[in-house]
C-alpha atoms as a PDB file:
ATOM      1  CA  MET A   1    -147.637 -30.295  11.854  1.00  0.00           C
ATOM      2  CA  ARG A   2    -145.833 -33.332  13.224  1.00  0.00           C
ATOM      3  CA  GLU A   3    -146.511 -34.462  16.783  1.00  0.00           C
ATOM      4  CA  THR A   4    -143.901 -33.522  19.382  1.00  0.00           C
ATOM      5  CA  VAL A   5    -142.863 -36.467  21.577  1.00  0.00           C
ATOM      6  CA  GLU A   6    -140.532 -36.350  24.561  1.00  0.00           C
ATOM      7  CA  PRO A   7    -137.585 -38.797  24.650  1.00  0.00           C
ATOM      8  CA  THR A   8    -137.973 -41.898  26.811  1.00  0.00           C
ATOM      9  CA  VAL A   9    -135.341 -43.558  28.993  1.00  0.00           C
ATOM     10  CA  ASN A  10    -134.446 -47.213  28.407  1.00  0.00           C
ATOM     11  CA  GLN A  11    -133.290 -49.808  30.920  1.00  0.00           C
ATOM     12  CA  TYR A  12    -129.700 -48.601  30.603  1.00  0.00           C
ATOM     13  CA  GLY A  13    -130.525 -45.028  31.503  1.00  0.00           C
ATOM     14  CA  ALA A  14    -130.085 -43.755  27.935  1.00  0.00           C
ATOM     15  CA  GLU A  15    -132.604 -41.531  26.185  1.00  0.00           C
ATOM     16  CA  GLU A  16    -134.347 -42.860  23.097  1.00  0.00           C
ATOM     17  CA  HIS A  17    -136.489 -41.076  20.529  1.00  0.00           C
ATOM     18  CA  PRO A  18    -137.703 -42.029  17.037  1.00  0.00           C
ATOM     19  CA  ALA A  19    -135.882 -38.972  15.657  1.00  0.00           C
ATOM     20  CA  PHE A  20    -132.488 -39.767  17.234  1.00  0.00           C
ATOM     21  CA  GLY A  21    -130.092 -40.922  14.529  1.00  0.00           C
ATOM     22  CA  MET A  22    -126.435 -41.439  13.733  1.00  0.00           C
ATOM     23  CA  ILE A  23    -124.902 -41.323  10.249  1.00  0.00           C
ATOM     24  CA  ARG A  24    -121.378 -42.368   9.357  1.00  0.00           C
ATOM     25  CA  ALA A  25    -119.304 -42.825   6.231  1.00  0.00           C
ATOM     26  CA  ALA A  26    -116.424 -45.247   5.826  1.00  0.00           C
ATOM     27  CA  ARG A  27    -114.018 -45.904   2.988  1.00  0.00           C
ATOM     28  CA  VAL A  28    -113.880 -49.638   2.326  1.00  0.00           C
ATOM     29  CA  THR A  29    -111.734 -51.798   0.067  1.00  0.00           C
ATOM     30  CA  SER A  30    -113.144 -54.803  -1.757  1.00  0.00           C
ATOM     31  CA  THR A  31    -111.390 -57.568  -3.698  1.00  0.00           C
ATOM     32  CA  PRO A  32    -112.519 -58.279  -6.320  1.00  0.00           C
ATOM     33  CA  GLY A  33    -114.108 -54.954  -7.226  1.00  0.00           C
ATOM     34  CA  VAL A  34    -117.778 -54.428  -6.486  1.00  0.00           C
ATOM     35  CA  VAL A  35    -120.544 -53.471  -8.902  1.00  0.00           C
ATOM     36  CA  LEU A  36    -122.387 -50.235  -8.161  1.00  0.00           C
ATOM     37  CA  PHE A  37    -125.593 -48.741  -9.522  1.00  0.00           C
ATOM     38  CA  ASP A  38    -125.016 -46.339 -12.430  1.00  0.00           C
ATOM     39  CA  SER A  39    -121.321 -47.129 -12.752  1.00  0.00           C
ATOM     40  CA  ASP A  40    -119.747 -48.883 -15.740  1.00  0.00           C
ATOM     41  CA  ILE A  41    -116.645 -50.076 -13.908  1.00  0.00           C
ATOM     42  CA  LYS A  42    -115.983 -52.320 -10.920  1.00  0.00           C
ATOM     43  CA  HIS A  43    -114.704 -50.559  -7.807  1.00  0.00           C
ATOM     44  CA  GLY A  44    -112.008 -51.695  -5.411  1.00  0.00           C
ATOM     45  CA  THR A  45    -112.539 -48.716  -3.092  1.00  0.00           C
ATOM     46  CA  THR A  46    -115.981 -47.366  -2.212  1.00  0.00           C
ATOM     47  CA  ILE A  47    -117.714 -45.155   0.329  1.00  0.00           C
ATOM     48  CA  ARG A  48    -120.224 -46.895   2.596  1.00  0.00           C
ATOM     49  CA  ILE A  49    -122.811 -44.789   4.425  1.00  0.00           C
ATOM     50  CA  THR A  50    -124.748 -46.200   7.362  1.00  0.00           C
ATOM     51  CA  ILE A  51    -127.691 -44.603   9.174  1.00  0.00           C
ATOM     52  CA  GLU A  52    -128.725 -45.990  12.559  1.00  0.00           C
ATOM     53  CA  ALA A  53    -131.078 -45.117  15.373  1.00  0.00           C
ATOM     54  CA  ALA A  54    -129.195 -43.471  18.247  1.00  0.00           C
ATOM     55  CA  THR A  55    -129.370 -43.142  22.010  1.00  0.00           C
ATOM     56  CA  ARG A  56    -128.161 -40.328  24.265  1.00  0.00           C
ATOM     57  CA  LYS A  57    -126.927 -40.697  27.825  1.00  0.00           C
ATOM     58  CA  ARG A  58    -125.837 -37.942  30.213  1.00  0.00           C
ATOM     59  CA  GLU A  59    -122.844 -38.781  32.361  1.00  0.00           C
ATOM     60  CA  ASN A  60    -120.223 -36.581  34.015  1.00  0.00           C
ATOM     61  CA  ASN A  61    -121.829 -33.456  32.588  1.00  0.00           C
ATOM     62  CA  HIS A  62    -121.412 -34.752  29.072  1.00  0.00           C
ATOM     63  CA  ASP A  63    -123.813 -36.162  26.491  1.00  0.00           C
ATOM     64  CA  TRP A  64    -122.726 -39.538  25.121  1.00  0.00           C
ATOM     65  CA  ILE A  65    -124.413 -40.345  21.824  1.00  0.00           C
ATOM     66  CA  HIS A  66    -124.225 -43.867  20.458  1.00  0.00           C
ATOM     67  CA  GLY A  67    -125.498 -45.506  17.319  1.00  0.00           C
ATOM     68  CA  GLY A  68    -125.690 -49.187  16.571  1.00  0.00           C
ATOM     69  CA  SER A  69    -128.877 -49.874  18.492  1.00  0.00           C
ATOM     70  CA  LYS A  70    -130.911 -50.251  15.304  1.00  0.00           C
ATOM     71  CA  GLN A  71    -129.484 -50.024  11.793  1.00  0.00           C
ATOM     72  CA  LEU A  72    -131.885 -48.383   9.349  1.00  0.00           C
ATOM     73  CA  ILE A  73    -130.117 -48.342   5.988  1.00  0.00           C
ATOM     74  CA  GLU A  74    -126.726 -48.822   4.401  1.00  0.00           C
ATOM     75  CA  VAL A  75    -125.742 -47.477   0.985  1.00  0.00           C
ATOM     76  CA  GLU A  76    -122.558 -47.586  -1.055  1.00  0.00           C
ATOM     77  CA  LEU A  77    -121.138 -45.024  -3.492  1.00  0.00           C
ATOM     78  CA  SER A  78    -118.141 -44.782  -5.765  1.00  0.00           C
ATOM     79  CA  GLU A  79    -115.515 -42.131  -5.084  1.00  0.00           C
ATOM     80  CA  ALA A  80    -116.973 -40.077  -7.939  1.00  0.00           C
ATOM     81  CA  GLN A  81    -120.529 -40.426  -6.622  1.00  0.00           C
ATOM     82  CA  TRP A  82    -119.386 -39.462  -3.122  1.00  0.00           C
ATOM     83  CA  ALA A  83    -117.583 -36.356  -4.430  1.00  0.00           C
ATOM     84  CA  SER A  84    -120.676 -35.370  -6.379  1.00  0.00           C
ATOM     85  CA  PHE A  85    -122.893 -35.976  -3.333  1.00  0.00           C
ATOM     86  CA  VAL A  86    -120.907 -33.816  -0.906  1.00  0.00           C
ATOM     87  CA  SER A  87    -120.355 -31.014  -3.418  1.00  0.00           C
ATOM     88  CA  SER A  88    -123.836 -30.762  -4.941  1.00  0.00           C
ATOM     89  CA  MET A  89    -126.761 -29.237  -3.096  1.00  0.00           C
ATOM     90  CA  ASN A  90    -130.378 -28.805  -4.206  1.00  0.00           C
ATOM     91  CA  THR A  91    -130.056 -31.277  -7.070  1.00  0.00           C
ATOM     92  CA  SER A  92    -132.162 -34.261  -8.058  1.00  0.00           C
ATOM     93  CA  GLY A  93    -129.686 -36.455  -6.189  1.00  0.00           C
ATOM     94  CA  VAL A  94    -126.798 -38.836  -6.791  1.00  0.00           C
ATOM     95  CA  PRO A  95    -127.166 -42.530  -7.690  1.00  0.00           C
ATOM     96  CA  ALA A  96    -126.343 -44.850  -4.791  1.00  0.00           C
ATOM     97  CA  THR A  97    -126.340 -48.607  -4.284  1.00  0.00           C
ATOM     98  CA  LEU A  98    -128.622 -49.899  -1.535  1.00  0.00           C
ATOM     99  CA  ARG A  99    -126.884 -52.598   0.510  1.00  0.00           C
ATOM    100  CA  TRP A 100    -129.056 -53.105   3.606  1.00  0.00           C
ATOM    101  CA  VAL A 101    -132.533 -51.825   4.501  1.00  0.00           C
ATOM    102  CA  ARG A 102    -134.336 -52.378   7.779  1.00  0.00           C
ATOM    103  CA  GLY A 103    -137.184 -54.816   7.278  1.00  0.00           C
ATOM    104  CA  GLN A 104    -135.519 -56.321   4.206  1.00  0.00           C
ATOM    105  CA  GLY A 105    -132.030 -57.108   5.426  1.00  0.00           C
ATOM    106  CA  GLN A 106    -129.117 -57.631   3.056  1.00  0.00           C
ATOM    107  CA  LEU A 107    -130.087 -56.811  -0.512  1.00  0.00           C
ATOM    108  CA  PRO A 108    -129.027 -58.817  -3.572  1.00  0.00           C
ATOM    109  CA  GLU A 109    -125.909 -57.900  -5.528  1.00  0.00           C
ATOM    110  CA  LEU A 110    -126.131 -56.187  -8.897  1.00  0.00           C
ATOM    111  CA  PRO A 111    -125.027 -57.985 -12.062  1.00  0.00           C
ATOM    112  CA  PHE A 112    -122.154 -56.356 -13.930  1.00  0.00           C
ATOM    113  CA  ALA A 113    -123.958 -54.909 -16.941  1.00  0.00           C
ATOM    114  CA  PRO A 114    -122.307 -51.656 -18.107  1.00  0.00           C
ATOM    115  CA  ARG A 115    -124.802 -49.228 -19.575  1.00  0.00           C
ATOM    116  CA  LEU A 116    -122.185 -48.254 -22.144  1.00  0.00           C
ATOM    117  CA  ALA A 117    -122.993 -51.544 -23.859  1.00  0.00           C
ATOM    118  CA  LYS A 118    -126.518 -50.221 -24.441  1.00  0.00           C
ATOM    119  CA  SER A 119    -125.131 -47.242 -26.338  1.00  0.00           C
ATOM    120  CA  MET A 120    -122.868 -49.514 -28.378  1.00  0.00           C
ATOM    121  CA  ASP A 121    -125.831 -51.717 -29.257  1.00  0.00           C
ATOM    122  CA  ALA A 122    -127.794 -48.605 -30.255  1.00  0.00           C
ATOM    123  CA  VAL A 123    -125.051 -47.533 -32.667  1.00  0.00           C
ATOM    124  CA  LYS A 124    -124.828 -51.015 -34.122  1.00  0.00           C
ATOM    125  CA  GLY A 125    -128.613 -51.261 -34.459  1.00  0.00           C
ATOM    126  CA  ALA A 126    -128.869 -47.838 -36.103  1.00  0.00           C
ATOM    127  CA  ALA A 127    -126.144 -48.765 -38.592  1.00  0.00           C
ATOM    128  CA  GLU A 128    -127.789 -52.074 -39.443  1.00  0.00           C
ATOM    129  CA  ARG A 129    -131.213 -50.494 -39.942  1.00  0.00           C
ATOM    130  CA  MET A 130    -130.074 -47.463 -41.894  1.00  0.00           C
ATOM    131  CA  PHE A 131    -127.617 -49.210 -44.183  1.00  0.00           C
ATOM    132  CA  GLY A 132    -130.087 -52.044 -44.647  1.00  0.00           C
ATOM    133  CA  ARG A 133    -132.514 -49.496 -46.094  1.00  0.00           C
ATOM    134  CA  ALA A 134    -129.723 -48.063 -48.236  1.00  0.00           C
ATOM    135  CA  LYS A 135    -128.877 -51.492 -49.621  1.00  0.00           C
ATOM    136  CA  LYS A 136    -132.519 -52.105 -50.416  1.00  0.00           C
ATOM    137  CA  ALA A 137    -132.786 -48.737 -52.189  1.00  0.00           C
ATOM    138  CA  MET A 138    -129.588 -49.502 -54.119  1.00  0.00           C
ATOM    139  CA  ALA A 139    -130.948 -52.884 -55.199  1.00  0.00           C
ATOM    140  CA  THR A 140    -134.192 -51.233 -56.372  1.00  0.00           C
ATOM    141  CA  TYR A 141    -132.264 -48.630 -58.371  1.00  0.00           C
ATOM    142  CA  GLU A 142    -129.952 -51.241 -59.961  1.00  0.00           C
ATOM    143  CA  GLN A 143    -132.953 -53.364 -60.884  1.00  0.00           C
ATOM    144  CA  ALA A 144    -134.594 -50.339 -62.510  1.00  0.00           C
ATOM    145  CA  LEU A 145    -131.459 -49.795 -64.597  1.00  0.00           C
ATOM    146  CA  LYS A 146    -131.256 -53.482 -65.479  1.00  0.00           C
ATOM    147  CA  ASP A 147    -134.908 -53.524 -66.537  1.00  0.00           C
ATOM    148  CA  LYS A 148    -134.426 -50.296 -68.513  1.00  0.00           C
ATOM    149  CA  ALA A 149    -137.369 -48.880 -66.612  1.00  0.00           C
ATOM    150  CA  PRO A 150    -138.890 -45.536 -67.605  1.00  0.00           C
ATOM    151  CA  ALA A 151    -136.960 -42.420 -66.587  1.00  0.00           C
ATOM    152  CA  LYS A 152    -139.473 -41.540 -63.871  1.00  0.00           C
ATOM    153  CA  VAL A 153    -139.083 -44.953 -62.214  1.00  0.00           C
ATOM    154  CA  ARG A 154    -135.274 -44.715 -62.380  1.00  0.00           C
ATOM    155  CA  ASN A 155    -135.314 -41.165 -60.995  1.00  0.00           C
ATOM    156  CA  ASP A 156    -137.659 -42.119 -58.162  1.00  0.00           C
ATOM    157  CA  ALA A 157    -135.412 -45.062 -57.252  1.00  0.00           C
ATOM    158  CA  LEU A 158    -132.337 -42.829 -57.349  1.00  0.00           C
ATOM    159  CA  ARG A 159    -134.065 -40.233 -55.127  1.00  0.00           C
ATOM    160  CA  ASP A 160    -134.995 -42.949 -52.617  1.00  0.00           C
ATOM    161  CA  LEU A 161    -131.364 -44.079 -52.598  1.00  0.00           C
ATOM    162  CA  HIS A 162    -130.154 -40.538 -51.881  1.00  0.00           C
ATOM    163  CA  PHE A 163    -132.663 -40.166 -49.022  1.00  0.00           C
ATOM    164  CA  ALA A 164    -131.657 -43.531 -47.551  1.00  0.00           C
ATOM    165  CA  LEU A 165    -127.969 -42.564 -47.540  1.00  0.00           C
ATOM    166  CA  GLU A 166    -128.623 -39.110 -46.071  1.00  0.00           C
ATOM    167  CA  ASN A 167    -130.828 -40.547 -43.301  1.00  0.00           C
ATOM    168  CA  ALA A 168    -128.238 -43.228 -42.555  1.00  0.00           C
ATOM    169  CA  GLU A 169    -125.518 -40.636 -42.088  1.00  0.00           C
ATOM    170  CA  ALA A 170    -127.688 -38.462 -39.827  1.00  0.00           C
ATOM    171  CA  ASN A 171    -129.014 -41.294 -37.650  1.00  0.00           C
ATOM    172  CA  VAL A 172    -125.720 -43.125 -37.234  1.00  0.00           C
ATOM    173  CA  GLY A 173    -124.004 -39.798 -36.574  1.00  0.00           C
ATOM    174  CA  TYR A 174    -126.447 -39.054 -33.738  1.00  0.00           C
ATOM    175  CA  ALA A 175    -126.045 -42.536 -32.231  1.00  0.00           C
ATOM    176  CA  SER A 176    -122.263 -42.159 -32.440  1.00  0.00           C
ATOM    177  CA  LYS A 177    -122.476 -38.781 -30.694  1.00  0.00           C
ATOM    178  CA  VAL A 178    -124.442 -40.334 -27.819  1.00  0.00           C
ATOM    179  CA  LEU A 179    -121.912 -43.180 -27.600  1.00  0.00           C
ATOM    180  CA  ARG A 180    -119.015 -40.718 -27.511  1.00  0.00           C
ATOM    181  CA  GLU A 181    -120.675 -38.710 -24.738  1.00  0.00           C
ATOM    182  CA  ASP A 182    -121.390 -41.858 -22.717  1.00  0.00           C
ATOM    183  CA  THR A 183    -117.791 -43.013 -23.162  1.00  0.00           C
ATOM    184  CA  GLU A 184    -116.444 -39.658 -22.001  1.00  0.00           C
ATOM    185  CA  ASN A 185    -118.738 -39.851 -18.972  1.00  0.00           C
ATOM    186  CA  VAL A 186    -117.380 -43.299 -18.045  1.00  0.00           C
ATOM    187  CA  VAL A 187    -113.792 -42.090 -18.483  1.00  0.00           C
ATOM    188  CA  GLN A 188    -114.364 -39.011 -16.319  1.00  0.00           C
ATOM    189  CA  LYS A 189    -115.971 -41.050 -13.531  1.00  0.00           C
ATOM    190  CA  ALA A 190    -113.140 -43.573 -13.647  1.00  0.00           C
ATOM    191  CA  ARG A 191    -110.621 -40.725 -13.579  1.00  0.00           C
ATOM    192  CA  ALA A 192    -112.265 -39.295 -10.450  1.00  0.00           C
ATOM    193  CA  ASP A 193    -112.154 -42.698  -8.738  1.00  0.00           C
ATOM    194  CA  ILE A 194    -108.492 -43.273  -9.611  1.00  0.00           C
ATOM    195  CA  GLU A 195    -107.404 -39.795  -8.549  1.00  0.00           C
ATOM    196  CA  ALA A 196    -109.326 -40.095  -5.259  1.00  0.00           C
ATOM    197  CA  MET A 197    -107.600 -43.416  -4.583  1.00  0.00           C
ATOM    198  CA  VAL A 198    -104.184 -41.873  -5.248  1.00  0.00           C
ATOM    199  CA  SER A 199    -104.960 -38.913  -2.987  1.00  0.00           C
ATOM    200  CA  GLN A 200    -106.077 -41.280  -0.240  1.00  0.00           C
ATOM    201  CA  HIS A 201    -102.854 -43.293  -0.395  1.00  0.00           C
ATOM    202  CA  ALA A 202    -100.784 -40.126  -0.590  1.00  0.00           C
ATOM    203  CA  ALA A 203    -102.427 -38.836   2.577  1.00  0.00           C
ATOM    204  CA  HIS A 204    -101.798 -42.202   4.222  1.00  0.00           C
ATOM    205  CA  LEU A 205     -98.099 -41.781   3.380  1.00  0.00           C
ATOM    206  CA  GLY A 206     -98.114 -38.318   4.908  1.00  0.00           C
ATOM    207  CA  LEU A 207     -97.693 -36.467   1.623  1.00  0.00           C
ATOM    208  CA  GLU A 208     -99.165 -33.013   1.187  1.00  0.00           C
ATOM    209  CA  ALA A 209    -101.424 -32.134  -1.732  1.00  0.00           C
ATOM    210  CA  GLY A 210     -98.592 -30.480  -3.663  1.00  0.00           C
ATOM    211  CA  GLN A 211     -96.300 -33.442  -3.201  1.00  0.00           C
ATOM    212  CA  ALA A 212     -98.956 -35.892  -4.329  1.00  0.00           C
ATOM    213  CA  SER A 213     -99.961 -33.983  -7.451  1.00  0.00           C
ATOM    214  CA  GLY A 214     -97.262 -35.601  -9.581  1.00  0.00           C
ATOM    215  CA  LEU A 215     -97.876 -39.176  -8.522  1.00  0.00           C
ATOM    216  CA  LEU A 216    -100.465 -39.754 -11.194  1.00  0.00           C
ATOM    217  CA  GLU A 217    -101.006 -37.559 -14.194  1.00  0.00           C
ATOM    218  CA  LEU A 218    -103.675 -39.091 -16.375  1.00  0.00           C
ATOM    219  CA  PRO A 219    -103.582 -37.943 -20.006  1.00  0.00           C
ATOM    220  CA  VAL A 220    -106.500 -36.017 -21.423  1.00  0.00           C
ATOM    221  CA  LEU A 221    -108.220 -38.264 -23.921  1.00  0.00           C
ATOM    222  CA  GLU A 222    -109.561 -37.139 -27.250  1.00  0.00           C
ATOM    223  CA  GLY A 223    -113.000 -35.629 -26.719  1.00  0.00           C
ATOM    224  CA  GLU A 224    -112.367 -34.701 -23.093  1.00  0.00           C
ATOM    225  CA  THR A 225    -112.115 -31.083 -22.045  1.00  0.00           C
ATOM    226  CA  VAL A 226    -110.155 -29.586 -19.191  1.00  0.00           C
ATOM    227  CA  GLU A 227    -113.352 -28.009 -17.850  1.00  0.00           C
ATOM    228  CA  ALA A 228    -115.125 -31.379 -17.752  1.00  0.00           C
ATOM    229  CA  ILE A 229    -112.197 -33.026 -15.935  1.00  0.00           C
ATOM    230  CA  GLU A 230    -111.839 -30.246 -13.370  1.00  0.00           C
ATOM    231  CA  GLY A 231    -115.623 -30.247 -12.853  1.00  0.00           C
END
């Protein structure tokens, strides 16, 4: 059980308590685009969330609650991360970029290092390893033929070549599948960010949802599904 503590009154007549807080979200525009945690693109528009300690003051039969007395943390999310955050409950959470933390101050910026590059390197590495083994098996088999080796030696070399080719196809195919899934994930997140930006500007122009729907119709790319886009 946590201890119960009554609020105190500061020199300005406002109540203070360790549990009093204020949270706010703001849409901000950055030029050039900013780098966010777990996002493979740079973002010109982001959502910034700030949590501060708050005070409460009673005047004219009304409670006035103010933040800003002590900032606790500031985080930044992409439009896609924000949409996922507000629509998903009881999950493991949504990646966010820490910008400011009390006791540490402003935090360093992230380098732009898309994780998609990791998947591309994995495909390239798998291809190099697997086809390197295939080339070696081919060289062994050709040498056995050149040396007119016994049938058993030639057959063993040929079997090793078949195994090397089959393993290469399976391993590179799996790495390619992971790369394709990662690429689709990047495209879907970027789509969500672009569509949110268009909706924001449409609302700023006073357009209703139906009127704004035709402003930007992004094509469905190969490998994408309607369910994934709508989700």
